Structures are given as C-alpha cells and as structure tokens.
N, C-alpha and C. Protein backbone atom coordinates (compact mmCIF):
# COMPACT_ATOMS: atom_id res chain seq x y z
N MET A 1 241.77 -3.57 188.27
CA MET A 1 242.22 -2.37 187.56
C MET A 1 241.23 -2.02 186.48
N LYS A 2 240.76 -0.80 186.50
CA LYS A 2 239.83 -0.34 185.50
C LYS A 2 240.61 0.11 184.26
N HIS A 3 240.03 -0.17 183.10
CA HIS A 3 240.62 0.26 181.84
C HIS A 3 239.79 1.36 181.25
N ALA A 4 240.42 2.33 180.65
CA ALA A 4 239.69 3.41 179.99
C ALA A 4 239.35 2.93 178.58
N GLU A 5 238.02 2.79 178.33
CA GLU A 5 237.62 2.27 177.01
C GLU A 5 238.11 3.13 175.87
N GLU A 6 238.37 4.41 176.15
CA GLU A 6 238.84 5.33 175.12
C GLU A 6 240.21 4.93 174.57
N ASN A 7 240.94 4.08 175.33
CA ASN A 7 242.27 3.63 174.91
C ASN A 7 242.17 2.51 173.86
N PHE A 8 240.98 2.07 173.53
CA PHE A 8 240.76 0.98 172.58
C PHE A 8 240.09 1.53 171.34
N GLU A 9 240.52 1.02 170.18
CA GLU A 9 240.03 1.50 168.90
C GLU A 9 238.53 1.22 168.76
N GLU A 10 237.80 2.21 168.23
CA GLU A 10 236.37 2.02 167.98
C GLU A 10 236.16 1.03 166.89
N LEU A 11 235.03 0.34 166.93
CA LEU A 11 234.63 -0.59 165.88
C LEU A 11 233.73 0.13 164.89
N SER A 12 233.46 -0.46 163.77
CA SER A 12 232.48 0.09 162.84
C SER A 12 231.14 0.10 163.53
N ALA A 13 230.23 0.95 163.06
CA ALA A 13 228.89 1.01 163.63
C ALA A 13 228.20 -0.33 163.55
N GLU A 14 228.40 -1.04 162.45
CA GLU A 14 227.75 -2.35 162.26
C GLU A 14 228.30 -3.38 163.29
N ALA A 15 229.63 -3.40 163.46
CA ALA A 15 230.21 -4.35 164.39
C ALA A 15 229.80 -4.00 165.82
N THR A 16 229.77 -2.74 166.14
CA THR A 16 229.33 -2.32 167.50
C THR A 16 227.87 -2.76 167.74
N ALA A 17 227.02 -2.52 166.77
CA ALA A 17 225.61 -2.91 166.91
C ALA A 17 225.46 -4.41 167.05
N THR A 18 226.27 -5.18 166.33
CA THR A 18 226.21 -6.63 166.44
C THR A 18 226.57 -7.07 167.86
N TRP A 19 227.65 -6.52 168.43
CA TRP A 19 228.10 -6.96 169.77
C TRP A 19 227.20 -6.42 170.87
N LEU A 20 226.55 -5.30 170.64
CA LEU A 20 225.59 -4.78 171.64
C LEU A 20 224.36 -5.66 171.73
N ARG A 21 224.11 -6.50 170.71
CA ARG A 21 222.99 -7.44 170.75
C ARG A 21 223.39 -8.76 171.41
N PHE A 22 224.65 -8.93 171.80
CA PHE A 22 225.10 -10.15 172.50
C PHE A 22 224.21 -10.36 173.72
N GLY A 23 223.64 -11.55 173.84
CA GLY A 23 222.80 -11.88 174.96
C GLY A 23 221.33 -11.56 174.75
N LYS A 24 221.02 -10.94 173.63
CA LYS A 24 219.60 -10.56 173.36
C LYS A 24 219.05 -11.42 172.23
N TRP A 25 219.48 -12.67 172.15
CA TRP A 25 219.00 -13.57 171.12
C TRP A 25 217.58 -13.97 171.41
N GLU A 26 216.88 -14.45 170.35
CA GLU A 26 215.51 -14.98 170.57
C GLU A 26 215.56 -16.20 171.46
N ARG A 27 216.47 -17.12 171.17
CA ARG A 27 216.61 -18.31 171.97
C ARG A 27 217.33 -17.96 173.28
N VAL A 28 217.00 -18.66 174.33
CA VAL A 28 217.66 -18.41 175.62
C VAL A 28 218.90 -19.26 175.72
N TYR A 29 220.06 -18.64 175.47
CA TYR A 29 221.37 -19.23 175.75
C TYR A 29 221.77 -18.79 177.16
N PHE A 30 222.75 -19.45 177.70
CA PHE A 30 223.15 -19.18 179.10
C PHE A 30 223.41 -17.72 179.42
N PRO A 31 224.14 -16.95 178.63
CA PRO A 31 224.34 -15.51 178.96
C PRO A 31 223.02 -14.76 179.09
N LYS A 32 222.03 -15.09 178.27
CA LYS A 32 220.72 -14.45 178.37
C LYS A 32 220.01 -14.90 179.64
N LEU A 33 220.11 -16.18 179.98
CA LEU A 33 219.48 -16.70 181.16
C LEU A 33 219.98 -15.98 182.41
N VAL A 34 221.27 -15.73 182.48
CA VAL A 34 221.88 -15.04 183.63
C VAL A 34 221.54 -13.57 183.61
N GLY A 35 221.28 -12.98 182.42
CA GLY A 35 220.91 -11.58 182.30
C GLY A 35 222.01 -10.64 181.90
N LEU A 36 223.07 -11.15 181.30
CA LEU A 36 224.21 -10.31 180.93
C LEU A 36 223.83 -9.29 179.85
N GLU A 37 224.37 -8.08 179.95
CA GLU A 37 224.11 -7.01 179.02
C GLU A 37 225.42 -6.31 178.64
N VAL A 38 225.72 -6.27 177.34
CA VAL A 38 226.90 -5.54 176.87
C VAL A 38 226.58 -4.03 176.92
N GLN A 39 227.47 -3.29 177.53
CA GLN A 39 227.29 -1.84 177.65
C GLN A 39 228.20 -1.08 176.66
N ALA A 40 229.40 -1.63 176.39
CA ALA A 40 230.32 -0.98 175.46
C ALA A 40 231.24 -2.04 174.89
N VAL A 41 231.64 -1.85 173.64
CA VAL A 41 232.58 -2.77 173.02
C VAL A 41 233.49 -1.96 172.07
N ARG A 42 234.74 -2.29 172.10
CA ARG A 42 235.72 -1.72 171.20
C ARG A 42 236.68 -2.85 170.81
N LEU A 43 237.62 -2.58 169.96
CA LEU A 43 238.59 -3.58 169.54
C LEU A 43 239.40 -4.03 170.74
N GLY A 44 239.19 -5.26 171.18
CA GLY A 44 239.93 -5.80 172.32
C GLY A 44 239.40 -5.42 173.66
N TYR A 45 238.20 -4.86 173.73
CA TYR A 45 237.65 -4.35 175.01
C TYR A 45 236.14 -4.57 175.05
N CYS A 46 235.63 -4.92 176.22
CA CYS A 46 234.18 -4.95 176.42
C CYS A 46 233.89 -4.62 177.88
N ARG A 47 232.75 -3.91 178.06
CA ARG A 47 232.19 -3.67 179.40
C ARG A 47 230.79 -4.29 179.41
N MET A 48 230.53 -5.08 180.43
CA MET A 48 229.29 -5.86 180.51
C MET A 48 228.70 -5.72 181.90
N LEU A 49 227.37 -5.73 181.94
CA LEU A 49 226.61 -5.63 183.19
C LEU A 49 225.99 -6.97 183.56
N LEU A 50 226.07 -7.30 184.83
CA LEU A 50 225.30 -8.44 185.40
C LEU A 50 224.32 -7.79 186.38
N PRO A 51 223.04 -7.63 185.95
CA PRO A 51 222.06 -7.04 186.86
C PRO A 51 221.79 -7.98 188.04
N PHE A 52 221.69 -7.38 189.23
CA PHE A 52 221.39 -8.16 190.42
C PHE A 52 219.97 -8.71 190.31
N ARG A 53 219.80 -9.97 190.67
CA ARG A 53 218.51 -10.63 190.82
C ARG A 53 218.62 -11.57 192.02
N PRO A 54 217.60 -11.64 192.87
CA PRO A 54 217.67 -12.54 194.01
C PRO A 54 217.97 -14.00 193.63
N GLU A 55 217.58 -14.41 192.44
CA GLU A 55 217.82 -15.77 191.99
C GLU A 55 219.32 -16.09 191.84
N LEU A 56 220.16 -15.07 191.78
CA LEU A 56 221.61 -15.27 191.63
C LEU A 56 222.30 -15.48 192.99
N GLU A 57 221.55 -15.28 194.08
CA GLU A 57 222.14 -15.40 195.41
C GLU A 57 222.26 -16.87 195.80
N GLN A 58 223.23 -17.09 196.67
CA GLN A 58 223.33 -18.42 197.34
C GLN A 58 222.71 -18.25 198.71
N PRO A 59 222.52 -19.31 199.49
CA PRO A 59 221.76 -19.19 200.75
C PRO A 59 222.33 -18.21 201.79
N MET A 60 223.59 -17.81 201.68
CA MET A 60 224.16 -16.84 202.63
C MET A 60 223.82 -15.40 202.27
N GLY A 61 223.06 -15.20 201.14
CA GLY A 61 222.63 -13.86 200.82
C GLY A 61 223.59 -13.08 199.93
N ILE A 62 224.59 -13.74 199.40
CA ILE A 62 225.50 -13.09 198.47
C ILE A 62 225.36 -13.77 197.11
N VAL A 63 225.80 -13.02 196.07
CA VAL A 63 225.68 -13.58 194.69
C VAL A 63 226.63 -14.75 194.57
N HIS A 64 226.13 -15.82 193.99
CA HIS A 64 226.91 -17.07 193.81
C HIS A 64 228.12 -16.81 192.92
N GLY A 65 229.24 -17.38 193.30
CA GLY A 65 230.48 -17.24 192.53
C GLY A 65 230.36 -17.70 191.10
N GLY A 66 229.47 -18.62 190.83
CA GLY A 66 229.27 -19.11 189.48
C GLY A 66 228.68 -18.02 188.55
N ALA A 67 227.85 -17.17 189.10
CA ALA A 67 227.32 -16.05 188.29
C ALA A 67 228.42 -15.05 187.97
N ILE A 68 229.32 -14.80 188.93
CA ILE A 68 230.44 -13.89 188.69
C ILE A 68 231.41 -14.53 187.70
N ALA A 69 231.64 -15.83 187.83
CA ALA A 69 232.51 -16.52 186.88
C ALA A 69 231.94 -16.47 185.48
N THR A 70 230.63 -16.59 185.35
CA THR A 70 229.97 -16.47 184.04
C THR A 70 230.22 -15.11 183.45
N LEU A 71 230.09 -14.08 184.26
CA LEU A 71 230.37 -12.71 183.79
C LEU A 71 231.77 -12.56 183.30
N ILE A 72 232.74 -13.10 184.07
CA ILE A 72 234.15 -13.01 183.70
C ILE A 72 234.42 -13.73 182.38
N ASP A 73 233.85 -14.91 182.25
CA ASP A 73 234.04 -15.71 181.02
C ASP A 73 233.41 -15.04 179.81
N ALA A 74 232.23 -14.42 180.02
CA ALA A 74 231.46 -13.85 178.90
C ALA A 74 231.99 -12.48 178.48
N VAL A 75 232.50 -11.68 179.41
CA VAL A 75 232.88 -10.31 179.07
C VAL A 75 234.05 -10.26 178.07
N VAL A 76 234.87 -11.29 178.02
CA VAL A 76 235.95 -11.25 177.09
C VAL A 76 235.54 -11.71 175.66
N VAL A 77 234.37 -12.33 175.56
CA VAL A 77 233.93 -12.83 174.23
C VAL A 77 233.80 -11.69 173.21
N PRO A 78 233.10 -10.61 173.49
CA PRO A 78 233.07 -9.52 172.51
C PRO A 78 234.44 -8.87 172.30
N ALA A 79 235.26 -8.84 173.37
CA ALA A 79 236.60 -8.25 173.23
C ALA A 79 237.43 -9.10 172.23
N ILE A 80 237.29 -10.38 172.35
CA ILE A 80 238.00 -11.30 171.44
C ILE A 80 237.39 -11.21 170.02
N GLY A 81 236.06 -11.36 169.97
CA GLY A 81 235.36 -11.39 168.68
C GLY A 81 235.41 -10.12 167.91
N SER A 82 235.70 -9.02 168.57
CA SER A 82 235.75 -7.73 167.89
C SER A 82 236.77 -7.67 166.74
N ALA A 83 237.72 -8.59 166.76
CA ALA A 83 238.77 -8.61 165.73
C ALA A 83 238.50 -9.62 164.62
N TYR A 84 237.40 -10.37 164.73
CA TYR A 84 237.15 -11.47 163.78
C TYR A 84 235.77 -11.35 163.19
N GLY A 85 235.58 -12.08 162.11
CA GLY A 85 234.25 -12.22 161.48
C GLY A 85 233.53 -13.41 162.07
N PRO A 86 232.31 -13.65 161.57
CA PRO A 86 231.48 -14.73 162.12
C PRO A 86 232.01 -16.11 161.78
N GLU A 87 232.96 -16.25 160.91
CA GLU A 87 233.49 -17.57 160.54
C GLU A 87 234.51 -18.08 161.56
N VAL A 88 234.89 -17.25 162.51
CA VAL A 88 235.89 -17.64 163.50
C VAL A 88 235.18 -18.00 164.80
N GLY A 89 235.59 -19.14 165.38
CA GLY A 89 235.03 -19.56 166.65
C GLY A 89 236.06 -19.46 167.74
N TYR A 90 235.65 -19.35 168.97
CA TYR A 90 236.59 -19.26 170.09
C TYR A 90 235.97 -19.93 171.30
N THR A 91 236.83 -20.60 172.05
CA THR A 91 236.35 -21.33 173.21
C THR A 91 237.34 -21.12 174.37
N THR A 92 236.83 -21.20 175.58
CA THR A 92 237.66 -21.02 176.76
C THR A 92 238.56 -22.27 176.93
N LEU A 93 239.87 -22.03 177.06
CA LEU A 93 240.82 -23.10 177.35
C LEU A 93 241.12 -23.14 178.87
N ASP A 94 241.23 -21.96 179.45
CA ASP A 94 241.65 -21.88 180.86
C ASP A 94 241.12 -20.59 181.46
N MET A 95 240.72 -20.66 182.72
CA MET A 95 240.21 -19.49 183.41
C MET A 95 240.58 -19.59 184.88
N HIS A 96 241.22 -18.55 185.39
CA HIS A 96 241.57 -18.46 186.82
C HIS A 96 240.85 -17.26 187.36
N ILE A 97 240.22 -17.43 188.51
CA ILE A 97 239.44 -16.34 189.12
C ILE A 97 239.90 -16.15 190.56
N GLN A 98 240.01 -14.88 190.93
CA GLN A 98 240.22 -14.51 192.32
C GLN A 98 239.00 -13.69 192.75
N TYR A 99 238.31 -14.20 193.79
CA TYR A 99 237.16 -13.47 194.33
C TYR A 99 237.73 -12.57 195.42
N LEU A 100 237.50 -11.28 195.30
CA LEU A 100 238.14 -10.29 196.18
C LEU A 100 237.18 -9.75 197.23
N ALA A 101 235.87 -9.74 196.91
CA ALA A 101 234.88 -9.24 197.88
C ALA A 101 233.53 -9.86 197.51
N ALA A 102 232.67 -9.94 198.50
CA ALA A 102 231.32 -10.48 198.31
C ALA A 102 230.46 -9.47 197.53
N MET A 103 229.62 -9.99 196.67
CA MET A 103 228.67 -9.17 195.93
C MET A 103 227.31 -9.36 196.54
N SER A 104 226.69 -8.26 196.98
CA SER A 104 225.42 -8.38 197.65
C SER A 104 224.50 -7.25 197.22
N LYS A 105 223.34 -7.59 196.67
CA LYS A 105 222.25 -6.65 196.39
C LYS A 105 222.69 -5.46 195.54
N GLU A 106 223.60 -5.66 194.57
CA GLU A 106 223.92 -4.63 193.60
C GLU A 106 224.32 -5.27 192.29
N ASP A 107 224.24 -4.49 191.24
CA ASP A 107 224.68 -4.95 189.93
C ASP A 107 226.19 -5.05 189.89
N ALA A 108 226.71 -5.88 189.02
CA ALA A 108 228.14 -5.97 188.81
C ALA A 108 228.47 -5.49 187.40
N VAL A 109 229.56 -4.81 187.26
CA VAL A 109 230.06 -4.32 185.96
C VAL A 109 231.46 -4.95 185.76
N ALA A 110 231.64 -5.56 184.61
CA ALA A 110 232.94 -6.18 184.28
C ALA A 110 233.54 -5.53 183.08
N GLU A 111 234.86 -5.48 183.07
CA GLU A 111 235.62 -5.04 181.91
C GLU A 111 236.50 -6.19 181.51
N GLY A 112 236.46 -6.55 180.22
CA GLY A 112 237.31 -7.56 179.69
C GLY A 112 238.20 -7.01 178.59
N VAL A 113 239.47 -7.39 178.57
CA VAL A 113 240.39 -6.89 177.60
C VAL A 113 241.26 -8.03 177.06
N VAL A 114 241.67 -7.88 175.82
CA VAL A 114 242.60 -8.80 175.21
C VAL A 114 243.99 -8.29 175.52
N LEU A 115 244.81 -9.17 176.10
CA LEU A 115 246.19 -8.80 176.42
C LEU A 115 247.15 -9.13 175.27
N LYS A 116 246.88 -10.27 174.60
CA LYS A 116 247.76 -10.70 173.52
C LYS A 116 246.97 -11.66 172.60
N ARG A 117 247.11 -11.46 171.31
CA ARG A 117 246.49 -12.37 170.35
C ARG A 117 247.60 -13.15 169.63
N GLY A 118 247.44 -14.45 169.62
CA GLY A 118 248.32 -15.29 168.82
C GLY A 118 247.51 -15.83 167.64
N ARG A 119 248.08 -16.74 166.87
CA ARG A 119 247.35 -17.28 165.71
C ARG A 119 246.17 -18.14 166.16
N SER A 120 246.35 -18.88 167.27
CA SER A 120 245.28 -19.75 167.69
C SER A 120 244.93 -19.62 169.18
N VAL A 121 245.62 -18.73 169.89
CA VAL A 121 245.37 -18.54 171.30
C VAL A 121 245.30 -17.02 171.59
N VAL A 122 244.35 -16.68 172.47
CA VAL A 122 244.18 -15.28 172.88
C VAL A 122 244.22 -15.25 174.41
N PHE A 123 244.99 -14.32 174.94
CA PHE A 123 245.13 -14.15 176.40
C PHE A 123 244.33 -12.91 176.82
N CYS A 124 243.54 -13.04 177.85
CA CYS A 124 242.63 -11.96 178.29
C CYS A 124 242.66 -11.81 179.79
N GLU A 125 242.13 -10.66 180.23
CA GLU A 125 241.89 -10.45 181.66
C GLU A 125 240.55 -9.77 181.82
N ALA A 126 239.94 -9.98 182.97
CA ALA A 126 238.67 -9.35 183.27
C ALA A 126 238.65 -8.93 184.73
N ASN A 127 237.95 -7.81 185.01
CA ASN A 127 237.82 -7.32 186.36
C ASN A 127 236.35 -6.99 186.58
N VAL A 128 235.86 -7.30 187.77
CA VAL A 128 234.46 -7.11 188.09
C VAL A 128 234.39 -6.13 189.29
N PHE A 129 233.46 -5.15 189.17
CA PHE A 129 233.30 -4.13 190.19
C PHE A 129 231.80 -4.04 190.55
N GLY A 130 231.53 -3.68 191.79
CA GLY A 130 230.14 -3.37 192.16
C GLY A 130 229.73 -2.07 191.52
N ARG A 131 228.57 -2.09 190.89
CA ARG A 131 228.13 -0.90 190.15
C ARG A 131 227.92 0.31 191.05
N SER A 132 227.30 0.12 192.20
CA SER A 132 227.06 1.24 193.10
C SER A 132 228.17 1.46 194.09
N SER A 133 228.74 0.38 194.60
CA SER A 133 229.79 0.50 195.62
C SER A 133 231.17 0.79 195.06
N GLY A 134 231.40 0.37 193.79
CA GLY A 134 232.73 0.53 193.21
C GLY A 134 233.73 -0.50 193.69
N LYS A 135 233.28 -1.42 194.63
CA LYS A 135 234.18 -2.44 195.15
C LYS A 135 234.71 -3.33 194.06
N HIS A 136 236.01 -3.67 194.13
CA HIS A 136 236.62 -4.62 193.20
C HIS A 136 236.22 -6.02 193.70
N LEU A 137 235.31 -6.67 193.01
CA LEU A 137 234.72 -7.93 193.45
C LEU A 137 235.52 -9.16 193.07
N ALA A 138 236.07 -9.14 191.84
CA ALA A 138 236.79 -10.32 191.33
C ALA A 138 237.63 -9.92 190.14
N ARG A 139 238.61 -10.78 189.87
CA ARG A 139 239.41 -10.62 188.64
C ARG A 139 239.68 -11.99 188.06
N GLY A 140 239.85 -12.02 186.75
CA GLY A 140 240.09 -13.29 186.11
C GLY A 140 241.14 -13.16 185.03
N SER A 141 241.82 -14.27 184.81
CA SER A 141 242.82 -14.41 183.73
C SER A 141 242.33 -15.55 182.88
N LEU A 142 242.20 -15.32 181.56
CA LEU A 142 241.60 -16.30 180.67
C LEU A 142 242.45 -16.54 179.45
N THR A 143 242.39 -17.77 178.96
CA THR A 143 243.04 -18.14 177.70
C THR A 143 241.95 -18.75 176.81
N TYR A 144 241.87 -18.27 175.60
CA TYR A 144 240.90 -18.77 174.64
C TYR A 144 241.55 -19.37 173.42
N ASN A 145 240.94 -20.39 172.90
CA ASN A 145 241.38 -20.98 171.61
C ASN A 145 240.57 -20.29 170.53
N VAL A 146 241.26 -19.97 169.42
CA VAL A 146 240.60 -19.35 168.28
C VAL A 146 240.78 -20.24 167.08
N SER A 147 239.67 -20.52 166.38
CA SER A 147 239.79 -21.39 165.20
C SER A 147 238.85 -20.91 164.08
N ALA A 148 239.37 -20.95 162.86
CA ALA A 148 238.58 -20.57 161.70
C ALA A 148 237.64 -21.72 161.33
N GLY A 149 236.60 -21.39 160.63
CA GLY A 149 235.72 -22.43 160.09
C GLY A 149 234.57 -22.75 161.00
N ARG A 150 234.47 -22.17 162.17
CA ARG A 150 233.34 -22.38 163.09
C ARG A 150 232.55 -21.11 163.16
N SER A 151 231.28 -21.25 163.43
CA SER A 151 230.42 -20.09 163.54
C SER A 151 230.37 -19.64 165.00
N ALA A 152 230.74 -18.38 165.21
CA ALA A 152 230.67 -17.81 166.56
C ALA A 152 229.27 -17.27 166.84
N GLN A 153 228.81 -17.38 168.04
CA GLN A 153 227.47 -16.88 168.39
C GLN A 153 227.56 -15.44 168.77
C-alpha cells in the first residue's frame, strides 16, 4: 500500500537536510555500502531508493532478499528518527517480511511509516515497489526499541 507523503507533517528545513544525508557519511556503513538513498522524509514517513546494481543479484538473476530486507529495515529509521533528537537511539527488535514478487534489473523504492509510538517501542511498516514496473515487491512489519542517552547515526 502506497502512502501519500503529503499526509505526513513536514519537518524543519534543518531536520529534513539532516535525514536527506542519511547514507552519505564519509565512513562506509552498511546502508552506504548497499547504496541506499533517502528521497523524502517527513514526521513518521520516509521514502528511500535502492538503486539496482548487478552485485545485489543472487545467482538466479534476481536481487537478493537480503538487499530488500536491508531496504525495509533502513527506510523506517528516518521515519522513526524524525521525531527525536540525536540523543535518542533506536534498534530493530523484530522484523517480518513478505516477499511478493522478484526484483530484477530495476531500482526499488520503499516507503516506511510509523504506525504507533510508545515510550520505548515504535511500530512501523514498510512497502517496497519496483521503480519502473510499479510492482509491489515486498512488505515488512517492524518493531523498534527507542532509548534515550544513545547517539543515533
């Protein structure tokens, strides 16, 4: 299910700029290694791109499920973090993925949204679509732990 980003509150220009730099760190962290790019972020919402690269394929010629899982896990990070400062950390507690179609030779676009925020737990969902085909490739349900006193990347 696609979400209209206009339904989510805009962030300050500074916060938006911060999250648009996600994955563009000097050091190579895993999201940068995979090539993830934030396209849009709002309060509780993020749209992220996974550009196709042959290195992401498995021997059968389709993109490895681990790359799609990485996209699902990462797209909710800005959606979660959009409500907090850098002193708050968050980590994945649980993630369930349904692969709905094979991804082959195209970019993937994911949308991640926060469904409910608690004091220490956040519930999210993510959906992945083929950028050119529009095919619904995968969906995920995620639970994150939120804790103060840690530095979020």
